[in-house]
């Protein structure tokens, strides 16, 4: 939590504090917003593996991550709407 060394989608200390302090619908909204960003970061990392990696098994895993995370991002965006 927030210790990702600047990787896309990792929560900052400020974001984690805001989430810890939120309640109810405000918590739900922040949680979804933070998880969307986290998933988008995973998609970026997985795409980097597909673009630059060599191991077919790892590349297949990266594609599965892209497929799953993209679907979950769409679901969470619907919940926010």
Protein backbone atom coordinates (compact mmCIF):
# COMPACT_ATOMS: atom_id res chain seq x y z
CA UNK A 1 0.00 0.00 0.00
CA UNK A 2 1.76 3.04 -1.26
CA UNK A 3 5.15 1.34 -1.28
CA UNK A 4 5.40 0.65 -4.99
CA UNK A 5 8.25 3.00 -5.67
CA UNK A 6 6.28 5.20 -8.04
CA UNK A 7 4.68 2.44 -10.10
CA UNK A 8 1.49 3.39 -11.91
CA UNK A 9 -1.58 2.77 -9.81
CA UNK A 10 0.06 2.58 -6.41
CA UNK A 11 -1.71 4.59 -3.74
CA UNK A 12 0.07 7.50 -2.12
CA UNK A 13 0.14 7.90 1.64
CA UNK A 14 -2.34 10.74 1.26
CA UNK A 15 -4.75 8.56 -0.74
CA UNK A 16 -4.48 5.77 1.83
CA UNK A 17 -5.21 8.23 4.66
CA UNK A 18 -8.22 9.61 2.80
CA UNK A 19 -9.54 6.08 2.27
CA UNK A 20 -8.99 5.16 5.93
CA UNK A 21 -10.91 8.25 7.05
CA UNK A 22 -13.81 7.90 4.60
CA UNK A 23 -17.09 6.25 5.50
CA UNK A 24 -20.13 5.01 3.62
CA UNK A 25 -20.67 6.17 0.04
CA UNK A 26 -17.55 8.38 0.18
CA UNK A 27 -15.47 5.31 1.06
CA UNK A 28 -17.03 3.31 -1.77
CA UNK A 29 -16.27 6.06 -4.29
CA UNK A 30 -12.65 6.49 -3.18
CA UNK A 31 -12.13 2.73 -3.10
CA UNK A 32 -13.39 2.34 -6.66
CA UNK A 33 -11.36 5.29 -7.92
CA UNK A 34 -8.19 3.94 -6.31
CA UNK A 35 -8.80 0.39 -7.55
CA UNK A 36 -9.41 1.62 -11.10
CA UNK A 37 -6.05 3.41 -11.02
CA UNK A 38 -4.40 0.31 -9.53
CA UNK A 39 -5.84 -1.93 -12.24
CA UNK A 40 -4.85 0.53 -14.95
CA UNK A 41 -1.29 0.36 -13.61
CA UNK A 42 -1.40 -3.44 -13.84
CA UNK A 43 -2.54 -3.20 -17.46
CA UNK A 44 0.39 -0.89 -18.27
CA UNK A 45 2.87 -3.28 -16.63
CA UNK A 46 1.38 -6.29 -18.38
CA UNK A 47 1.54 -4.53 -21.74
CA UNK A 48 5.21 -3.81 -21.14
CA UNK A 49 5.77 -7.55 -20.69
CA UNK A 50 3.96 -8.32 -23.94
CA UNK A 51 5.98 -5.66 -25.77
CA UNK A 52 9.39 -6.50 -24.32
CA UNK A 53 9.28 -9.95 -22.75
CA UNK A 54 10.50 -13.22 -24.21
CA UNK A 55 8.94 -16.04 -22.17
CA UNK A 56 5.70 -17.23 -23.85
CA UNK A 57 4.20 -18.34 -20.52
CA UNK A 58 4.83 -14.98 -18.92
CA UNK A 59 3.47 -13.17 -21.96
CA UNK A 60 0.32 -15.34 -21.81
CA UNK A 61 -0.07 -14.46 -18.13
CA UNK A 62 0.35 -10.77 -18.99
CA UNK A 63 -2.42 -11.04 -21.59
CA UNK A 64 -4.69 -12.76 -19.07
CA UNK A 65 -4.00 -9.90 -16.64
CA UNK A 66 -4.87 -7.33 -19.30
CA UNK A 67 -8.09 -9.14 -20.17
CA UNK A 68 -9.21 -9.58 -16.55
CA UNK A 69 -8.21 -6.16 -15.28
CA UNK A 70 -9.78 -4.40 -18.27
CA UNK A 71 -13.07 -6.17 -17.58
CA UNK A 72 -12.92 -5.24 -13.90
CA UNK A 73 -12.09 -1.60 -14.74
CA UNK A 74 -15.24 -1.43 -16.90
CA UNK A 75 -17.34 -2.93 -14.08
CA UNK A 76 -15.98 -0.48 -11.51
CA UNK A 77 -16.55 2.49 -13.83
CA UNK A 78 -20.19 1.37 -14.19
CA UNK A 79 -20.50 1.28 -10.40
CA UNK A 80 -19.15 4.83 -10.18
CA UNK A 81 -21.64 6.01 -12.80
